[in-house]
Amino acid sequence: MYSKFWRRSVALAAAVVAITAGSAGATGPKPAPQAEPQPAHPAPAPSPAPAPVAPTPHEGGPD
């Protein structure tokens, strides 16, 4: 069981190294990517005030 885990770990590490080396390219390491500016999130629109509801007869109300 330990050897299976060890082989998988080595294979994973080799894959990570290969991907990392491939992404660096032949010209050397790429410059660090600049963080993209995030747009300012607009304030949420205020919810409209609920419309007044006329009371139904069983709720009472002005007579």
N, C-alpha and C. Protein backbone atom coordinates (compact mmCIF):
# COMPACT_ATOMS: atom_id res chain seq x y z
N MET A 1 0.84 -1.19 0.00
CA MET A 1 0.00 0.00 0.00
C MET A 1 0.87 1.25 0.00
N TYR A 2 1.93 1.22 0.79
CA TYR A 2 2.81 2.38 0.84
C TYR A 2 3.46 2.64 -0.52
N SER A 3 3.84 1.57 -1.21
CA SER A 3 4.51 1.75 -2.49
C SER A 3 3.56 2.34 -3.53
N LYS A 4 2.28 1.99 -3.48
CA LYS A 4 1.30 2.55 -4.42
C LYS A 4 1.17 4.05 -4.17
N PHE A 5 1.07 4.41 -2.92
CA PHE A 5 0.99 5.83 -2.57
C PHE A 5 2.24 6.56 -3.03
N TRP A 6 3.40 5.97 -2.80
CA TRP A 6 4.67 6.59 -3.17
C TRP A 6 4.74 6.79 -4.68
N ARG A 7 4.33 5.77 -5.46
CA ARG A 7 4.37 5.89 -6.92
C ARG A 7 3.43 6.98 -7.40
N ARG A 8 2.27 7.07 -6.81
CA ARG A 8 1.33 8.12 -7.22
C ARG A 8 1.87 9.50 -6.88
N SER A 9 2.49 9.62 -5.72
CA SER A 9 3.06 10.91 -5.32
C SER A 9 4.17 11.33 -6.27
N VAL A 10 5.03 10.39 -6.63
CA VAL A 10 6.13 10.70 -7.54
C VAL A 10 5.58 11.07 -8.91
N ALA A 11 4.56 10.36 -9.38
CA ALA A 11 3.97 10.67 -10.68
C ALA A 11 3.32 12.05 -10.66
N LEU A 12 2.65 12.37 -9.59
CA LEU A 12 2.02 13.68 -9.48
C LEU A 12 3.07 14.78 -9.44
N ALA A 13 4.12 14.57 -8.67
CA ALA A 13 5.18 15.57 -8.59
C ALA A 13 5.84 15.75 -9.96
N ALA A 14 6.06 14.66 -10.69
CA ALA A 14 6.66 14.76 -12.01
C ALA A 14 5.75 15.53 -12.96
N ALA A 15 4.45 15.31 -12.86
CA ALA A 15 3.51 16.02 -13.72
C ALA A 15 3.51 17.51 -13.40
N VAL A 16 3.56 17.85 -12.13
CA VAL A 16 3.58 19.27 -11.74
C VAL A 16 4.85 19.93 -12.25
N VAL A 17 5.98 19.26 -12.11
CA VAL A 17 7.25 19.82 -12.59
C VAL A 17 7.20 20.00 -14.10
N ALA A 18 6.66 19.02 -14.83
CA ALA A 18 6.59 19.12 -16.28
C ALA A 18 5.69 20.27 -16.71
N ILE A 19 4.55 20.43 -16.04
CA ILE A 19 3.63 21.51 -16.40
C ILE A 19 4.27 22.86 -16.08
N THR A 20 4.91 22.95 -14.93
CA THR A 20 5.54 24.20 -14.54
C THR A 20 6.67 24.56 -15.50
N ALA A 21 7.47 23.59 -15.87
CA ALA A 21 8.58 23.84 -16.80
C ALA A 21 8.03 24.21 -18.17
N GLY A 22 6.96 23.60 -18.59
CA GLY A 22 6.37 23.91 -19.89
C GLY A 22 5.76 25.29 -19.91
N SER A 23 5.19 25.75 -18.80
CA SER A 23 4.57 27.06 -18.79
C SER A 23 5.61 28.17 -18.72
N ALA A 24 6.83 27.86 -18.28
CA ALA A 24 7.87 28.88 -18.22
C ALA A 24 8.33 29.26 -19.62
N GLY A 25 8.30 28.32 -20.55
CA GLY A 25 8.66 28.63 -21.92
C GLY A 25 10.17 28.61 -22.11
N ALA A 26 10.60 28.72 -23.38
CA ALA A 26 12.02 28.65 -23.70
C ALA A 26 12.73 29.97 -23.41
N THR A 27 11.98 31.05 -23.28
CA THR A 27 12.61 32.36 -23.09
C THR A 27 12.87 32.67 -21.63
N GLY A 28 12.54 31.74 -20.75
CA GLY A 28 12.78 31.98 -19.33
C GLY A 28 11.47 32.17 -18.60
N PRO A 29 11.58 32.45 -17.33
CA PRO A 29 10.34 32.60 -16.55
C PRO A 29 9.54 33.81 -17.01
N LYS A 30 8.24 33.65 -16.97
CA LYS A 30 7.37 34.75 -17.36
C LYS A 30 7.30 35.77 -16.23
N PRO A 31 7.07 37.04 -16.54
CA PRO A 31 6.90 38.01 -15.47
C PRO A 31 5.64 37.69 -14.67
N ALA A 32 5.64 38.10 -13.45
CA ALA A 32 4.49 37.82 -12.59
C ALA A 32 3.26 38.49 -13.18
N PRO A 33 2.14 37.79 -13.24
CA PRO A 33 0.94 38.41 -13.79
C PRO A 33 0.48 39.56 -12.90
N GLN A 34 0.09 40.63 -13.54
CA GLN A 34 -0.40 41.78 -12.79
C GLN A 34 -1.84 41.51 -12.37
N ALA A 35 -2.17 41.92 -11.19
CA ALA A 35 -3.54 41.72 -10.71
C ALA A 35 -4.46 42.62 -11.52
N GLU A 36 -5.52 42.04 -12.02
CA GLU A 36 -6.47 42.84 -12.80
C GLU A 36 -7.28 43.70 -11.84
N PRO A 37 -7.45 44.98 -12.19
CA PRO A 37 -8.25 45.83 -11.29
C PRO A 37 -9.70 45.37 -11.29
N GLN A 38 -10.21 45.23 -10.11
CA GLN A 38 -11.61 44.80 -9.99
C GLN A 38 -12.50 46.03 -10.07
N PRO A 39 -13.57 45.97 -10.85
CA PRO A 39 -14.47 47.13 -10.91
C PRO A 39 -15.14 47.34 -9.56
N ALA A 40 -15.32 48.60 -9.23
CA ALA A 40 -15.98 48.89 -7.96
C ALA A 40 -17.42 48.40 -8.03
N HIS A 41 -17.82 47.68 -7.02
CA HIS A 41 -19.18 47.17 -7.03
C HIS A 41 -20.14 48.30 -6.71
N PRO A 42 -21.12 48.55 -7.59
CA PRO A 42 -22.07 49.64 -7.29
C PRO A 42 -22.91 49.28 -6.07
N ALA A 43 -23.31 50.29 -5.38
CA ALA A 43 -24.15 50.05 -4.20
C ALA A 43 -25.47 49.45 -4.67
N PRO A 44 -26.00 48.51 -3.93
CA PRO A 44 -27.28 47.92 -4.36
C PRO A 44 -28.38 48.98 -4.39
N ALA A 45 -29.22 48.88 -5.38
CA ALA A 45 -30.31 49.85 -5.51
C ALA A 45 -31.24 49.72 -4.30
N PRO A 46 -31.65 50.85 -3.75
CA PRO A 46 -32.56 50.76 -2.60
C PRO A 46 -33.88 50.13 -3.04
N SER A 47 -34.40 49.27 -2.21
CA SER A 47 -35.66 48.63 -2.57
C SER A 47 -36.78 49.65 -2.46
N PRO A 48 -37.70 49.62 -3.40
CA PRO A 48 -38.81 50.60 -3.33
C PRO A 48 -39.66 50.35 -2.09
N ALA A 49 -40.21 51.43 -1.57
CA ALA A 49 -41.05 51.29 -0.39
C ALA A 49 -42.29 50.48 -0.76
N PRO A 50 -42.74 49.63 0.13
CA PRO A 50 -43.93 48.85 -0.20
C PRO A 50 -45.14 49.76 -0.38
N ALA A 51 -45.94 49.45 -1.37
CA ALA A 51 -47.13 50.27 -1.64
C ALA A 51 -48.13 50.08 -0.49
N PRO A 52 -48.78 51.17 -0.10
CA PRO A 52 -49.78 51.01 0.97
C PRO A 52 -50.91 50.11 0.48
N VAL A 53 -51.31 49.22 1.33
CA VAL A 53 -52.37 48.28 0.97
C VAL A 53 -53.64 48.69 1.70
N ALA A 54 -54.71 48.80 0.93
CA ALA A 54 -55.99 49.17 1.56
C ALA A 54 -56.43 48.04 2.47
N PRO A 55 -56.86 48.35 3.67
CA PRO A 55 -57.29 47.29 4.58
C PRO A 55 -58.53 46.60 4.05
N THR A 56 -58.58 45.32 4.27
CA THR A 56 -59.78 44.57 3.87
C THR A 56 -60.83 44.73 4.96
N PRO A 57 -62.08 44.48 4.64
CA PRO A 57 -63.14 44.70 5.64
C PRO A 57 -62.91 43.98 6.96
N HIS A 58 -62.36 42.79 6.94
CA HIS A 58 -62.20 42.07 8.19
C HIS A 58 -61.04 42.62 9.03
N GLU A 59 -60.19 43.49 8.45
CA GLU A 59 -59.10 44.09 9.23
C GLU A 59 -59.54 45.38 9.91
N GLY A 60 -60.72 45.83 9.60
CA GLY A 60 -61.17 47.09 10.15
C GLY A 60 -60.78 48.21 9.21
N GLY A 61 -60.47 49.35 9.72
CA GLY A 61 -60.10 50.47 8.88
C GLY A 61 -61.03 51.64 9.12
N PRO A 62 -60.74 52.72 8.44
CA PRO A 62 -61.61 53.89 8.66
C PRO A 62 -63.03 53.62 8.18
N ASP A 63 -64.00 54.06 8.95
CA ASP A 63 -65.40 53.86 8.57
C ASP A 63 -65.92 55.08 7.86
